[in-house]
PDB file of N, CA and C in Angstrom:
ATOM      1  N   UNK A   1       0.819  -1.185   0.000  1.00  0.00           N
ATOM      2  CA  UNK A   1       0.000   0.000   0.000  1.00  0.00           C
ATOM      3  C   UNK A   1       0.871   1.261   0.000  1.00  0.00           C
ATOM      4  N   UNK A   2       1.998   1.201   0.669  1.00  0.00           N
ATOM      5  CA  UNK A   2       2.881   2.368   0.712  1.00  0.00           C
ATOM      6  C   UNK A   2       3.432   2.729  -0.652  1.00  0.00           C
ATOM      7  N   UNK A   3       3.872   1.728  -1.398  1.00  0.00           N
ATOM      8  CA  UNK A   3       4.404   1.995  -2.733  1.00  0.00           C
ATOM      9  C   UNK A   3       3.295   2.463  -3.673  1.00  0.00           C
ATOM     10  N   UNK A   4       2.120   1.900  -3.518  1.00  0.00           N
ATOM     11  CA  UNK A   4       0.986   2.343  -4.332  1.00  0.00           C
ATOM     12  C   UNK A   4       0.695   3.809  -4.064  1.00  0.00           C
ATOM     13  N   UNK A   5       0.696   4.194  -2.821  1.00  0.00           N
ATOM     14  CA  UNK A   5       0.423   5.586  -2.472  1.00  0.00           C
ATOM     15  C   UNK A   5       1.475   6.511  -3.065  1.00  0.00           C
ATOM     16  N   UNK A   6       2.725   6.094  -3.054  1.00  0.00           N
ATOM     17  CA  UNK A   6       3.778   6.904  -3.676  1.00  0.00           C
ATOM     18  C   UNK A   6       3.501   7.093  -5.161  1.00  0.00           C
ATOM     19  N   UNK A   7       3.076   6.035  -5.833  1.00  0.00           N
ATOM     20  CA  UNK A   7       2.765   6.123  -7.262  1.00  0.00           C
ATOM     21  C   UNK A   7       1.586   7.066  -7.501  1.00  0.00           C
ATOM     22  N   UNK A   8       0.579   6.957  -6.666  1.00  0.00           N
ATOM     23  CA  UNK A   8      -0.615   7.795  -6.819  1.00  0.00           C
ATOM     24  C   UNK A   8      -0.275   9.258  -6.592  1.00  0.00           C
ATOM     25  N   UNK A   9       0.487   9.535  -5.569  1.00  0.00           N
ATOM     26  CA  UNK A   9       0.884  10.930  -5.289  1.00  0.00           C
ATOM     27  C   UNK A   9       1.683  11.509  -6.445  1.00  0.00           C
ATOM     28  N   UNK A  10       2.598  10.733  -6.992  1.00  0.00           N
ATOM     29  CA  UNK A  10       3.443  11.214  -8.088  1.00  0.00           C
ATOM     30  C   UNK A  10       2.628  11.516  -9.338  1.00  0.00           C
ATOM     31  N   UNK A  11       1.536  10.804  -9.526  1.00  0.00           N
ATOM     32  CA  UNK A  11       0.719  11.000 -10.724  1.00  0.00           C
ATOM     33  C   UNK A  11      -0.396  12.014 -10.506  1.00  0.00           C
ATOM     34  N   UNK A  12      -0.586  12.431  -9.257  1.00  0.00           N
ATOM     35  CA  UNK A  12      -1.682  13.335  -8.885  1.00  0.00           C
ATOM     36  C   UNK A  12      -3.035  12.743  -9.290  1.00  0.00           C
ATOM     37  N   UNK A  13      -3.117  11.432  -9.240  1.00  0.00           N
ATOM     38  CA  UNK A  13      -4.359  10.739  -9.558  1.00  0.00           C
ATOM     39  C   UNK A  13      -4.917  10.072  -8.325  1.00  0.00           C
ATOM     40  N   UNK A  14      -5.755   9.095  -8.550  1.00  0.00           N
ATOM     41  CA  UNK A  14      -6.349   8.315  -7.474  1.00  0.00           C
ATOM     42  C   UNK A  14      -6.515   6.884  -7.983  1.00  0.00           C
ATOM     43  N   UNK A  15      -6.808   5.961  -7.083  1.00  0.00           N
ATOM     44  CA  UNK A  15      -7.020   4.577  -7.475  1.00  0.00           C
ATOM     45  C   UNK A  15      -8.266   4.017  -6.809  1.00  0.00           C
ATOM     46  N   UNK A  16      -8.914   3.124  -7.534  1.00  0.00           N
ATOM     47  CA  UNK A  16      -9.996   2.309  -6.994  1.00  0.00           C
ATOM     48  C   UNK A  16      -9.480   0.881  -6.981  1.00  0.00           C
ATOM     49  N   UNK A  17      -9.399   0.304  -5.807  1.00  0.00           N
ATOM     50  CA  UNK A  17      -8.883  -1.049  -5.649  1.00  0.00           C
ATOM     51  C   UNK A  17     -10.014  -2.016  -5.366  1.00  0.00           C
ATOM     52  N   UNK A  18      -9.905  -3.220  -5.883  1.00  0.00           N
ATOM     53  CA  UNK A  18     -10.880  -4.268  -5.620  1.00  0.00           C
ATOM     54  C   UNK A  18     -10.355  -5.098  -4.454  1.00  0.00           C
ATOM     55  N   UNK A  19     -11.029  -5.034  -3.318  1.00  0.00           N
ATOM     56  CA  UNK A  19     -10.550  -5.680  -2.104  1.00  0.00           C
ATOM     57  C   UNK A  19     -10.190  -7.141  -2.322  1.00  0.00           C
ATOM     58  N   UNK A  20     -11.018  -7.874  -3.011  1.00  0.00           N
ATOM     59  CA  UNK A  20     -10.789  -9.298  -3.181  1.00  0.00           C
ATOM     60  C   UNK A  20      -9.902  -9.679  -4.339  1.00  0.00           C
ATOM     61  N   UNK A  21      -9.280  -8.724  -4.993  1.00  0.00           N
ATOM     62  CA  UNK A  21      -8.513  -9.025  -6.199  1.00  0.00           C
ATOM     63  C   UNK A  21      -7.089  -9.506  -5.933  1.00  0.00           C
ATOM     64  N   UNK A  22      -6.576  -9.307  -4.745  1.00  0.00           N
ATOM     65  CA  UNK A  22      -5.188  -9.697  -4.506  1.00  0.00           C
ATOM     66  C   UNK A  22      -5.056 -11.211  -4.374  1.00  0.00           C
ATOM     67  N   UNK A  23      -3.916 -11.704  -4.781  1.00  0.00           N
ATOM     68  CA  UNK A  23      -3.607 -13.129  -4.621  1.00  0.00           C
ATOM     69  C   UNK A  23      -3.264 -13.361  -3.149  1.00  0.00           C
ATOM     70  N   UNK A  24      -3.798 -14.424  -2.599  1.00  0.00           N
ATOM     71  CA  UNK A  24      -3.583 -14.719  -1.180  1.00  0.00           C
ATOM     72  C   UNK A  24      -2.941 -16.094  -1.056  1.00  0.00           C
ATOM     73  N   UNK A  25      -1.820 -16.143  -0.389  1.00  0.00           N
ATOM     74  CA  UNK A  25      -1.140 -17.414  -0.167  1.00  0.00           C
ATOM     75  C   UNK A  25      -1.965 -18.302   0.761  1.00  0.00           C
ATOM     76  N   UNK A  26      -1.901 -19.605   0.559  1.00  0.00           N
ATOM     77  CA  UNK A  26      -2.615 -20.516   1.463  1.00  0.00           C
ATOM     78  C   UNK A  26      -2.190 -20.264   2.915  1.00  0.00           C
ATOM     79  N   UNK A  27      -3.160 -20.145   3.781  1.00  0.00           N
ATOM     80  CA  UNK A  27      -2.897 -19.941   5.199  1.00  0.00           C
ATOM     81  C   UNK A  27      -2.771 -18.494   5.625  1.00  0.00           C
ATOM     82  N   UNK A  28      -2.683 -17.574   4.689  1.00  0.00           N
ATOM     83  CA  UNK A  28      -2.491 -16.161   5.044  1.00  0.00           C
ATOM     84  C   UNK A  28      -3.679 -15.613   5.828  1.00  0.00           C
ATOM     85  N   UNK A  29      -4.878 -15.865   5.373  1.00  0.00           N
ATOM     86  CA  UNK A  29      -6.058 -15.354   6.080  1.00  0.00           C
ATOM     87  C   UNK A  29      -6.162 -15.970   7.471  1.00  0.00           C
ATOM     88  N   UNK A  30      -5.910 -17.250   7.575  1.00  0.00           N
ATOM     89  CA  UNK A  30      -5.988 -17.924   8.869  1.00  0.00           C
ATOM     90  C   UNK A  30      -4.948 -17.364   9.848  1.00  0.00           C
ATOM     91  N   UNK A  31      -3.772 -17.049   9.338  1.00  0.00           N
ATOM     92  CA  UNK A  31      -2.713 -16.491  10.170  1.00  0.00           C
ATOM     93  C   UNK A  31      -3.125 -15.119  10.699  1.00  0.00           C
ATOM     94  N   UNK A  32      -3.679 -14.298   9.822  1.00  0.00           N
ATOM     95  CA  UNK A  32      -4.119 -12.965  10.237  1.00  0.00           C
ATOM     96  C   UNK A  32      -5.265 -13.058  11.237  1.00  0.00           C
ATOM     97  N   UNK A  33      -6.186 -13.989  11.017  1.00  0.00           N
ATOM     98  CA  UNK A  33      -7.305 -14.165  11.950  1.00  0.00           C
ATOM     99  C   UNK A  33      -6.820 -14.545  13.340  1.00  0.00           C
ATOM    100  N   UNK A  34      -5.654 -15.169  13.430  1.00  0.00           N
ATOM    101  CA  UNK A  34      -5.074 -15.517  14.729  1.00  0.00           C
ATOM    102  C   UNK A  34      -4.301 -14.353  15.334  1.00  0.00           C
ATOM    103  N   UNK A  35      -4.264 -13.225  14.627  1.00  0.00           N
ATOM    104  CA  UNK A  35      -3.567 -12.047  15.133  1.00  0.00           C
ATOM    105  C   UNK A  35      -2.076 -12.047  14.866  1.00  0.00           C
ATOM    106  N   UNK A  36      -1.627 -12.916  13.992  1.00  0.00           N
ATOM    107  CA  UNK A  36      -0.205 -12.977  13.661  1.00  0.00           C
ATOM    108  C   UNK A  36       0.037 -12.084  12.449  1.00  0.00           C
ATOM    109  N   UNK A  37       0.751 -11.003  12.678  1.00  0.00           N
ATOM    110  CA  UNK A  37       1.019 -10.016  11.627  1.00  0.00           C
ATOM    111  C   UNK A  37       2.517  -9.756  11.542  1.00  0.00           C
ATOM    112  N   UNK A  38       2.948  -9.235  10.425  1.00  0.00           N
ATOM    113  CA  UNK A  38       4.343  -8.852  10.253  1.00  0.00           C
ATOM    114  C   UNK A  38       4.723  -7.775  11.261  1.00  0.00           C
ATOM    115  N   UNK A  39       5.991  -7.742  11.622  1.00  0.00           N
ATOM    116  CA  UNK A  39       6.466  -6.700  12.547  1.00  0.00           C
ATOM    117  C   UNK A  39       6.355  -5.310  11.932  1.00  0.00           C
ATOM    118  N   UNK A  40       6.262  -5.218  10.616  1.00  0.00           N
ATOM    119  CA  UNK A  40       6.130  -3.922   9.942  1.00  0.00           C
ATOM    120  C   UNK A  40       4.678  -3.551   9.650  1.00  0.00           C
ATOM    121  N   UNK A  41       3.754  -4.410  10.009  1.00  0.00           N
ATOM    122  CA  UNK A  41       2.351  -4.159   9.690  1.00  0.00           C
ATOM    123  C   UNK A  41       1.866  -2.824  10.271  1.00  0.00           C
ATOM    124  N   UNK A  42       2.160  -2.571  11.530  1.00  0.00           N
ATOM    125  CA  UNK A  42       1.726  -1.319  12.159  1.00  0.00           C
ATOM    126  C   UNK A  42       2.267  -0.094  11.456  1.00  0.00           C
ATOM    127  N   UNK A  43       3.519  -0.146  11.069  1.00  0.00           N
ATOM    128  CA  UNK A  43       4.133   0.971  10.351  1.00  0.00           C
ATOM    129  C   UNK A  43       3.451   1.166   9.001  1.00  0.00           C
ATOM    130  N   UNK A  44       3.202   0.077   8.300  1.00  0.00           N
ATOM    131  CA  UNK A  44       2.560   0.171   6.989  1.00  0.00           C
ATOM    132  C   UNK A  44       1.116   0.625   7.092  1.00  0.00           C
ATOM    133  N   UNK A  45       0.464   0.305   8.184  1.00  0.00           N
ATOM    134  CA  UNK A  45      -0.937   0.661   8.374  1.00  0.00           C
ATOM    135  C   UNK A  45      -1.148   2.170   8.484  1.00  0.00           C
ATOM    136  N   UNK A  46      -0.087   2.915   8.731  1.00  0.00           N
ATOM    137  CA  UNK A  46      -0.218   4.376   8.840  1.00  0.00           C
ATOM    138  C   UNK A  46      -0.781   5.012   7.571  1.00  0.00           C
ATOM    139  N   UNK A  47      -0.555   4.400   6.417  1.00  0.00           N
ATOM    140  CA  UNK A  47      -1.062   4.974   5.175  1.00  0.00           C
ATOM    141  C   UNK A  47      -2.565   4.763   5.007  1.00  0.00           C
ATOM    142  N   UNK A  48      -3.193   4.034   5.923  1.00  0.00           N
ATOM    143  CA  UNK A  48      -4.639   3.826   5.852  1.00  0.00           C
ATOM    144  C   UNK A  48      -5.403   5.145   5.913  1.00  0.00           C
ATOM    145  N   UNK A  49      -4.791   6.178   6.433  1.00  0.00           N
ATOM    146  CA  UNK A  49      -5.458   7.484   6.495  1.00  0.00           C
ATOM    147  C   UNK A  49      -5.719   8.059   5.103  1.00  0.00           C
ATOM    148  N   UNK A  50      -5.094   7.492   4.085  1.00  0.00           N
ATOM    149  CA  UNK A  50      -5.304   7.944   2.710  1.00  0.00           C
ATOM    150  C   UNK A  50      -6.395   7.160   1.991  1.00  0.00           C
ATOM    151  N   UNK A  51      -7.032   6.245   2.696  1.00  0.00           N
ATOM    152  CA  UNK A  51      -8.107   5.454   2.099  1.00  0.00           C
ATOM    153  C   UNK A  51      -9.429   6.160   2.357  1.00  0.00           C
ATOM    154  N   UNK A  52     -10.104   6.500   1.280  1.00  0.00           N
ATOM    155  CA  UNK A  52     -11.339   7.273   1.348  1.00  0.00           C
ATOM    156  C   UNK A  52     -12.411   6.581   2.191  1.00  0.00           C
ATOM    157  N   UNK A  53     -12.619   5.304   1.988  1.00  0.00           N
ATOM    158  CA  UNK A  53     -13.700   4.584   2.664  1.00  0.00           C
ATOM    159  C   UNK A  53     -13.166   3.573   3.677  1.00  0.00           C
ATOM    160  N   UNK A  54     -12.148   3.969   4.423  1.00  0.00           N
ATOM    161  CA  UNK A  54     -11.502   3.065   5.370  1.00  0.00           C
ATOM    162  C   UNK A  54     -12.481   2.507   6.394  1.00  0.00           C
ATOM    163  N   UNK A  55     -13.431   3.291   6.835  1.00  0.00           N
ATOM    164  CA  UNK A  55     -14.374   2.795   7.846  1.00  0.00           C
ATOM    165  C   UNK A  55     -15.261   1.686   7.294  1.00  0.00           C
ATOM    166  N   UNK A  56     -15.485   1.681   5.996  1.00  0.00           N
ATOM    167  CA  UNK A  56     -16.314   0.648   5.369  1.00  0.00           C
ATOM    168  C   UNK A  56     -15.540  -0.631   5.095  1.00  0.00           C
ATOM    169  N   UNK A  57     -14.242  -0.540   4.913  1.00  0.00           N
ATOM    170  CA  UNK A  57     -13.478  -1.706   4.460  1.00  0.00           C
ATOM    171  C   UNK A  57     -12.514  -2.272   5.486  1.00  0.00           C
ATOM    172  N   UNK A  58     -12.253  -1.564   6.562  1.00  0.00           N
ATOM    173  CA  UNK A  58     -11.213  -2.004   7.501  1.00  0.00           C
ATOM    174  C   UNK A  58     -11.554  -3.302   8.226  1.00  0.00           C
ATOM    175  N   UNK A  59     -12.797  -3.703   8.243  1.00  0.00           N
ATOM    176  CA  UNK A  59     -13.186  -4.969   8.884  1.00  0.00           C
ATOM    177  C   UNK A  59     -13.173  -6.147   7.910  1.00  0.00           C
ATOM    178  N   UNK A  60     -12.925  -5.890   6.643  1.00  0.00           N
ATOM    179  CA  UNK A  60     -12.891  -6.971   5.651  1.00  0.00           C
ATOM    180  C   UNK A  60     -11.722  -7.899   5.974  1.00  0.00           C
ATOM    181  N   UNK A  61     -11.913  -9.220   5.862  1.00  0.00           N
ATOM    182  CA  UNK A  61     -10.846 -10.164   6.214  1.00  0.00           C
ATOM    183  C   UNK A  61      -9.554 -10.002   5.411  1.00  0.00           C
ATOM    184  N   UNK A  62      -9.628  -9.467   4.196  1.00  0.00           N
ATOM    185  CA  UNK A  62      -8.421  -9.290   3.378  1.00  0.00           C
ATOM    186  C   UNK A  62      -7.724  -7.951   3.619  1.00  0.00           C
ATOM    187  N   UNK A  63      -8.383  -7.042   4.293  1.00  0.00           N
ATOM    188  CA  UNK A  63      -7.846  -5.693   4.499  1.00  0.00           C
ATOM    189  C   UNK A  63      -6.406  -5.705   5.033  1.00  0.00           C
ATOM    190  N   UNK A  64      -6.092  -6.478   6.081  1.00  0.00           N
ATOM    191  CA  UNK A  64      -4.714  -6.446   6.594  1.00  0.00           C
ATOM    192  C   UNK A  64      -3.666  -6.883   5.579  1.00  0.00           C
ATOM    193  N   UNK A  65      -4.047  -7.724   4.638  1.00  0.00           N
ATOM    194  CA  UNK A  65      -3.065  -8.190   3.655  1.00  0.00           C
ATOM    195  C   UNK A  65      -2.596  -7.088   2.720  1.00  0.00           C
ATOM    196  N   UNK A  66      -3.392  -6.073   2.545  1.00  0.00           N
ATOM    197  CA  UNK A  66      -2.986  -4.949   1.694  1.00  0.00           C
ATOM    198  C   UNK A  66      -1.820  -4.168   2.309  1.00  0.00           C
ATOM    199  N   UNK A  67      -1.556  -4.387   3.596  1.00  0.00           N
ATOM    200  CA  UNK A  67      -0.489  -3.679   4.296  1.00  0.00           C
ATOM    201  C   UNK A  67       0.677  -4.586   4.652  1.00  0.00           C
ATOM    202  N   UNK A  68       0.622  -5.816   4.189  1.00  0.00           N
ATOM    203  CA  UNK A  68       1.678  -6.770   4.487  1.00  0.00           C
ATOM    204  C   UNK A  68       2.923  -6.400   3.690  1.00  0.00           C
ATOM    205  N   UNK A  69       4.070  -6.244   4.336  1.00  0.00           N
ATOM    206  CA  UNK A  69       5.277  -5.792   3.642  1.00  0.00           C
ATOM    207  C   UNK A  69       6.005  -6.879   2.866  1.00  0.00           C
ATOM    208  N   UNK A  70       5.536  -8.103   2.898  1.00  0.00           N
ATOM    209  CA  UNK A  70       6.310  -9.183   2.313  1.00  0.00           C
ATOM    210  C   UNK A  70       6.407  -9.128   0.792  1.00  0.00           C
ATOM    211  N   UNK A  71       5.558  -8.338   0.145  1.00  0.00           N
ATOM    212  CA  UNK A  71       5.698  -8.179  -1.304  1.00  0.00           C
ATOM    213  C   UNK A  71       6.789  -7.181  -1.643  1.00  0.00           C
ATOM    214  N   UNK A  72       7.215  -6.396  -0.681  1.00  0.00           N
ATOM    215  CA  UNK A  72       8.245  -5.369  -0.861  1.00  0.00           C
ATOM    216  C   UNK A  72       7.867  -4.354  -1.932  1.00  0.00           C
ATOM    217  N   UNK A  73       6.607  -4.303  -2.306  1.00  0.00           N
ATOM    218  CA  UNK A  73       6.142  -3.301  -3.246  1.00  0.00           C
ATOM    219  C   UNK A  73       6.581  -3.509  -4.675  1.00  0.00           C
ATOM    220  N   UNK A  74       7.489  -4.426  -4.924  1.00  0.00           N
ATOM    221  CA  UNK A  74       8.011  -4.612  -6.270  1.00  0.00           C
ATOM    222  C   UNK A  74       7.085  -5.374  -7.194  1.00  0.00           C
ATOM    223  N   UNK A  75       5.933  -5.738  -6.708  1.00  0.00           N
ATOM    224  CA  UNK A  75       5.031  -6.548  -7.507  1.00  0.00           C
ATOM    225  C   UNK A  75       3.857  -5.742  -8.046  1.00  0.00           C
ATOM    226  N   UNK A  76       3.961  -4.445  -8.033  1.00  0.00           N
ATOM    227  CA  UNK A  76       2.884  -3.569  -8.474  1.00  0.00           C
ATOM    228  C   UNK A  76       3.332  -2.783  -9.694  1.00  0.00           C
ATOM    229  N   UNK A  77       2.479  -2.758 -10.709  1.00  0.00           N
ATOM    230  CA  UNK A  77       2.809  -2.006 -11.923  1.00  0.00           C
ATOM    231  C   UNK A  77       1.562  -1.294 -12.416  1.00  0.00           C
ATOM    232  N   UNK A  78       1.737  -0.134 -12.950  1.00  0.00           N
ATOM    233  CA  UNK A  78       0.643   0.601 -13.587  1.00  0.00           C
ATOM    234  C   UNK A  78       0.747   0.353 -15.084  1.00  0.00           C
ATOM    235  N   UNK A  79      -0.321  -0.158 -15.657  1.00  0.00           N
ATOM    236  CA  UNK A  79      -0.367  -0.515 -17.070  1.00  0.00           C
ATOM    237  C   UNK A  79      -1.581   0.167 -17.686  1.00  0.00           C
ATOM    238  N   UNK A  80      -1.468   0.753 -18.870  1.00  0.00           N
ATOM    239  CA  UNK A  80      -2.651   1.338 -19.510  1.00  0.00           C
ATOM    240  C   UNK A  80      -3.769   0.293 -19.599  1.00  0.00           C
ATOM    241  N   UNK A  81      -4.988   0.698 -19.304  1.00  0.00           N
ATOM    242  CA  UNK A  81      -6.107  -0.251 -19.227  1.00  0.00           C
ATOM    243  C   UNK A  81      -6.284  -1.057 -20.513  1.00  0.00           C
ATOM    244  N   UNK A  82      -6.017  -0.446 -21.644  1.00  0.00           N
ATOM    245  CA  UNK A  82      -6.186  -1.161 -22.910  1.00  0.00           C
ATOM    246  C   UNK A  82      -5.114  -2.232 -23.115  1.00  0.00           C
ATOM    247  N   UNK A  83      -4.071  -2.231 -22.302  1.00  0.00           N
ATOM    248  CA  UNK A  83      -3.013  -3.231 -22.401  1.00  0.00           C
ATOM    249  C   UNK A  83      -3.031  -4.232 -21.241  1.00  0.00           C
ATOM    250  N   UNK A  84      -3.960  -4.073 -20.310  1.00  0.00           N
ATOM    251  CA  UNK A  84      -3.969  -4.892 -19.093  1.00  0.00           C
ATOM    252  C   UNK A  84      -4.148  -6.376 -19.385  1.00  0.00           C
ATOM    253  N   UNK A  85      -5.082  -6.731 -20.240  1.00  0.00           N
ATOM    254  CA  UNK A  85      -5.336  -8.142 -20.530  1.00  0.00           C
ATOM    255  C   UNK A  85      -4.122  -8.776 -21.206  1.00  0.00           C
ATOM    256  N   UNK A  86      -3.532  -8.098 -22.169  1.00  0.00           N
ATOM    257  CA  UNK A  86      -2.345  -8.622 -22.847  1.00  0.00           C
ATOM    258  C   UNK A  86      -1.177  -8.764 -21.866  1.00  0.00           C
ATOM    259  N   UNK A  87      -1.039  -7.796 -20.984  1.00  0.00           N
ATOM    260  CA  UNK A  87       0.017  -7.859 -19.978  1.00  0.00           C
ATOM    261  C   UNK A  87      -0.186  -9.065 -19.071  1.00  0.00           C
ATOM    262  N   UNK A  88      -1.414  -9.286 -18.621  1.00  0.00           N
ATOM    263  CA  UNK A  88      -1.706 -10.447 -17.782  1.00  0.00           C
ATOM    264  C   UNK A  88      -1.404 -11.756 -18.504  1.00  0.00           C
ATOM    265  N   UNK A  89      -1.805 -11.839 -19.753  1.00  0.00           N
ATOM    266  CA  UNK A  89      -1.520 -13.052 -20.532  1.00  0.00           C
ATOM    267  C   UNK A  89      -0.021 -13.295 -20.611  1.00  0.00           C
ATOM    268  N   UNK A  90       0.744 -12.238 -20.850  1.00  0.00           N
ATOM    269  CA  UNK A  90       2.200 -12.368 -20.929  1.00  0.00           C
ATOM    270  C   UNK A  90       2.786 -12.807 -19.583  1.00  0.00           C
ATOM    271  N   UNK A  91       2.303 -12.218 -18.500  1.00  0.00           N
ATOM    272  CA  UNK A  91       2.788 -12.599 -17.177  1.00  0.00           C
ATOM    273  C   UNK A  91       2.448 -14.051 -16.856  1.00  0.00           C
ATOM    274  N   UNK A  92       1.222 -14.452 -17.174  1.00  0.00           N
ATOM    275  CA  UNK A  92       0.823 -15.836 -16.941  1.00  0.00           C
ATOM    276  C   UNK A  92       1.685 -16.785 -17.764  1.00  0.00           C
ATOM    277  N   UNK A  93       1.928 -16.438 -19.020  1.00  0.00           N
ATOM    278  CA  UNK A  93       2.761 -17.276 -19.892  1.00  0.00           C
ATOM    279  C   UNK A  93       4.198 -17.350 -19.405  1.00  0.00           C
ATOM    280  N   UNK A  94       4.653 -16.289 -18.748  1.00  0.00           N
ATOM    281  CA  UNK A  94       6.030 -16.244 -18.247  1.00  0.00           C
ATOM    282  C   UNK A  94       6.185 -16.971 -16.911  1.00  0.00           C
ATOM    283  N   UNK A  95       5.093 -17.555 -16.419  1.00  0.00           N
ATOM    284  CA  UNK A  95       5.193 -18.325 -15.181  1.00  0.00           C
ATOM    285  C   UNK A  95       4.702 -17.618 -13.936  1.00  0.00           C
ATOM    286  N   UNK A  96       3.907 -16.581 -14.104  1.00  0.00           N
ATOM    287  CA  UNK A  96       3.361 -15.842 -12.967  1.00  0.00           C
ATOM    288  C   UNK A  96       1.841 -15.944 -12.981  1.00  0.00           C
ATOM    289  N   UNK A  97       1.309 -17.128 -12.656  1.00  0.00           N
ATOM    290  CA  UNK A  97      -0.133 -17.363 -12.780  1.00  0.00           C
ATOM    291  C   UNK A  97      -0.992 -16.578 -11.791  1.00  0.00           C
ATOM    292  N   UNK A  98      -0.408 -16.069 -10.726  1.00  0.00           N
ATOM    293  CA  UNK A  98      -1.186 -15.316  -9.738  1.00  0.00           C
ATOM    294  C   UNK A  98      -1.291 -13.828 -10.079  1.00  0.00           C
ATOM    295  N   UNK A  99      -0.701 -13.415 -11.182  1.00  0.00           N
ATOM    296  CA  UNK A  99      -0.791 -12.008 -11.593  1.00  0.00           C
ATOM    297  C   UNK A  99      -2.241 -11.664 -11.862  1.00  0.00           C
ATOM    298  N   UNK A 100      -2.615 -10.448 -11.494  1.00  0.00           N
ATOM    299  CA  UNK A 100      -3.995 -10.020 -11.700  1.00  0.00           C
ATOM    300  C   UNK A 100      -4.117  -8.504 -11.639  1.00  0.00           C
ATOM    301  N   UNK A 101      -5.209  -8.019 -12.157  1.00  0.00           N
ATOM    302  CA  UNK A 101      -5.546  -6.602 -12.057  1.00  0.00           C
ATOM    303  C   UNK A 101      -6.192  -6.410 -10.689  1.00  0.00           C
ATOM    304  N   UNK A 102      -5.674  -5.469  -9.913  1.00  0.00           N
ATOM    305  CA  UNK A 102      -6.211  -5.247  -8.571  1.00  0.00           C
ATOM    306  C   UNK A 102      -6.987  -3.938  -8.449  1.00  0.00           C
ATOM    307  N   UNK A 103      -6.983  -3.148  -9.505  1.00  0.00           N
ATOM    308  CA  UNK A 103      -7.699  -1.882  -9.441  1.00  0.00           C
ATOM    309  C   UNK A 103      -7.481  -1.076 -10.695  1.00  0.00           C
ATOM    310  N   UNK A 104      -7.863   0.185 -10.595  1.00  0.00           N
ATOM    311  CA  UNK A 104      -7.678   1.073 -11.747  1.00  0.00           C
ATOM    312  C   UNK A 104      -7.381   2.484 -11.270  1.00  0.00           C
ATOM    313  N   UNK A 105      -6.669   3.203 -12.109  1.00  0.00           N
ATOM    314  CA  UNK A 105      -6.354   4.605 -11.859  1.00  0.00           C
ATOM    315  C   UNK A 105      -7.537   5.436 -12.320  1.00  0.00           C
ATOM    316  N   UNK A 106      -7.914   6.391 -11.502  1.00  0.00           N
ATOM    317  CA  UNK A 106      -9.037   7.280 -11.811  1.00  0.00           C
ATOM    318  C   UNK A 106      -8.599   8.720 -11.576  1.00  0.00           C
ATOM    319  N   UNK A 107      -9.326   9.682 -12.127  1.00  0.00           N
ATOM    320  CA  UNK A 107      -8.973  11.081 -11.875  1.00  0.00           C
ATOM    321  C   UNK A 107      -9.092  11.422 -10.390  1.00  0.00           C
ATOM    322  N   UNK A 108      -8.230  12.274  -9.926  1.00  0.00           N
ATOM    323  CA  UNK A 108      -8.247  12.699  -8.519  1.00  0.00           C
ATOM    324  C   UNK A 108      -9.383  13.687  -8.327  1.00  0.00           C
ATOM    325  N   UNK A 109     -10.144  13.474  -7.279  1.00  0.00           N
ATOM    326  CA  UNK A 109     -11.187  14.415  -6.898  1.00  0.00           C
ATOM    327  C   UNK A 109     -10.950  14.789  -5.445  1.00  0.00           C
ATOM    328  N   UNK A 110     -11.900  15.428  -4.845  1.00  0.00           N
ATOM    329  CA  UNK A 110     -11.774  15.787  -3.435  1.00  0.00           C
ATOM    330  C   UNK A 110     -11.695  14.513  -2.594  1.00  0.00           C
ATOM    331  N   UNK A 111     -10.988  14.584  -1.509  1.00  0.00           N
ATOM    332  CA  UNK A 111     -10.904  13.440  -0.619  1.00  0.00           C
ATOM    333  C   UNK A 111      -9.625  12.653  -0.798  1.00  0.00           C
ATOM    334  N   UNK A 112      -9.610  11.499  -0.210  1.00  0.00           N
ATOM    335  CA  UNK A 112      -8.427  10.655  -0.200  1.00  0.00           C
ATOM    336  C   UNK A 112      -8.218   9.984  -1.551  1.00  0.00           C
ATOM    337  N   UNK A 113      -6.952   9.678  -1.876  1.00  0.00           N
ATOM    338  CA  UNK A 113      -6.649   9.156  -3.210  1.00  0.00           C
ATOM    339  C   UNK A 113      -6.912   7.663  -3.417  1.00  0.00           C
ATOM    340  N   UNK A 114      -7.234   6.919  -2.356  1.00  0.00           N
ATOM    341  CA  UNK A 114      -7.450   5.478  -2.484  1.00  0.00           C
ATOM    342  C   UNK A 114      -8.865   5.130  -2.033  1.00  0.00           C
ATOM    343  N   UNK A 115      -9.564   4.353  -2.854  1.00  0.00           N
ATOM    344  CA  UNK A 115     -10.887   3.866  -2.518  1.00  0.00           C
ATOM    345  C   UNK A 115     -10.921   2.374  -2.815  1.00  0.00           C
ATOM    346  N   UNK A 116     -11.542   1.609  -1.936  1.00  0.00           N
ATOM    347  CA  UNK A 116     -11.716   0.174  -2.160  1.00  0.00           C
ATOM    348  C   UNK A 116     -13.139  -0.105  -2.591  1.00  0.00           C
ATOM    349  N   UNK A 117     -13.294  -1.052  -3.504  1.00  0.00           N
ATOM    350  CA  UNK A 117     -14.602  -1.590  -3.816  1.00  0.00           C
ATOM    351  C   UNK A 117     -14.652  -2.980  -3.224  1.00  0.00           C
ATOM    352  N   UNK A 118     -15.808  -3.359  -2.745  1.00  0.00           N
ATOM    353  CA  UNK A 118     -15.989  -4.681  -2.162  1.00  0.00           C
ATOM    354  C   UNK A 118     -16.731  -5.551  -3.157  1.00  0.00           C
ATOM    355  N   UNK A 119     -16.154  -6.689  -3.476  1.00  0.00           N
ATOM    356  CA  UNK A 119     -16.794  -7.602  -4.415  1.00  0.00           C
ATOM    357  C   UNK A 119     -16.522  -9.017  -4.032  1.00  0.00           C
TER     358      UNK A 119
END
């Protein structure tokens, strides 16, 4: 989430993220439900203040995973929407089957730059 916020700030845009779109490793949800979080989770959670609808989404079971530092942020890319499907196909063909679209860039309006949709 921290690296995403840096990208959004640099572009002066905003993002709509799909809460359930992230790939989840087996056992990750169960681990979080037991209260086992990364030592950096609290630090990463500070960027939650930039989420427009945080009160609506913070209780979602996947919410804590968006702040997990184990991806190191290097797994996020902004791709033009018209190229997203082709990019995914290429990533899947290259051996990255868990690659997916997790949201979209939208024009910045009033309020916080990150919004989650629940699906």
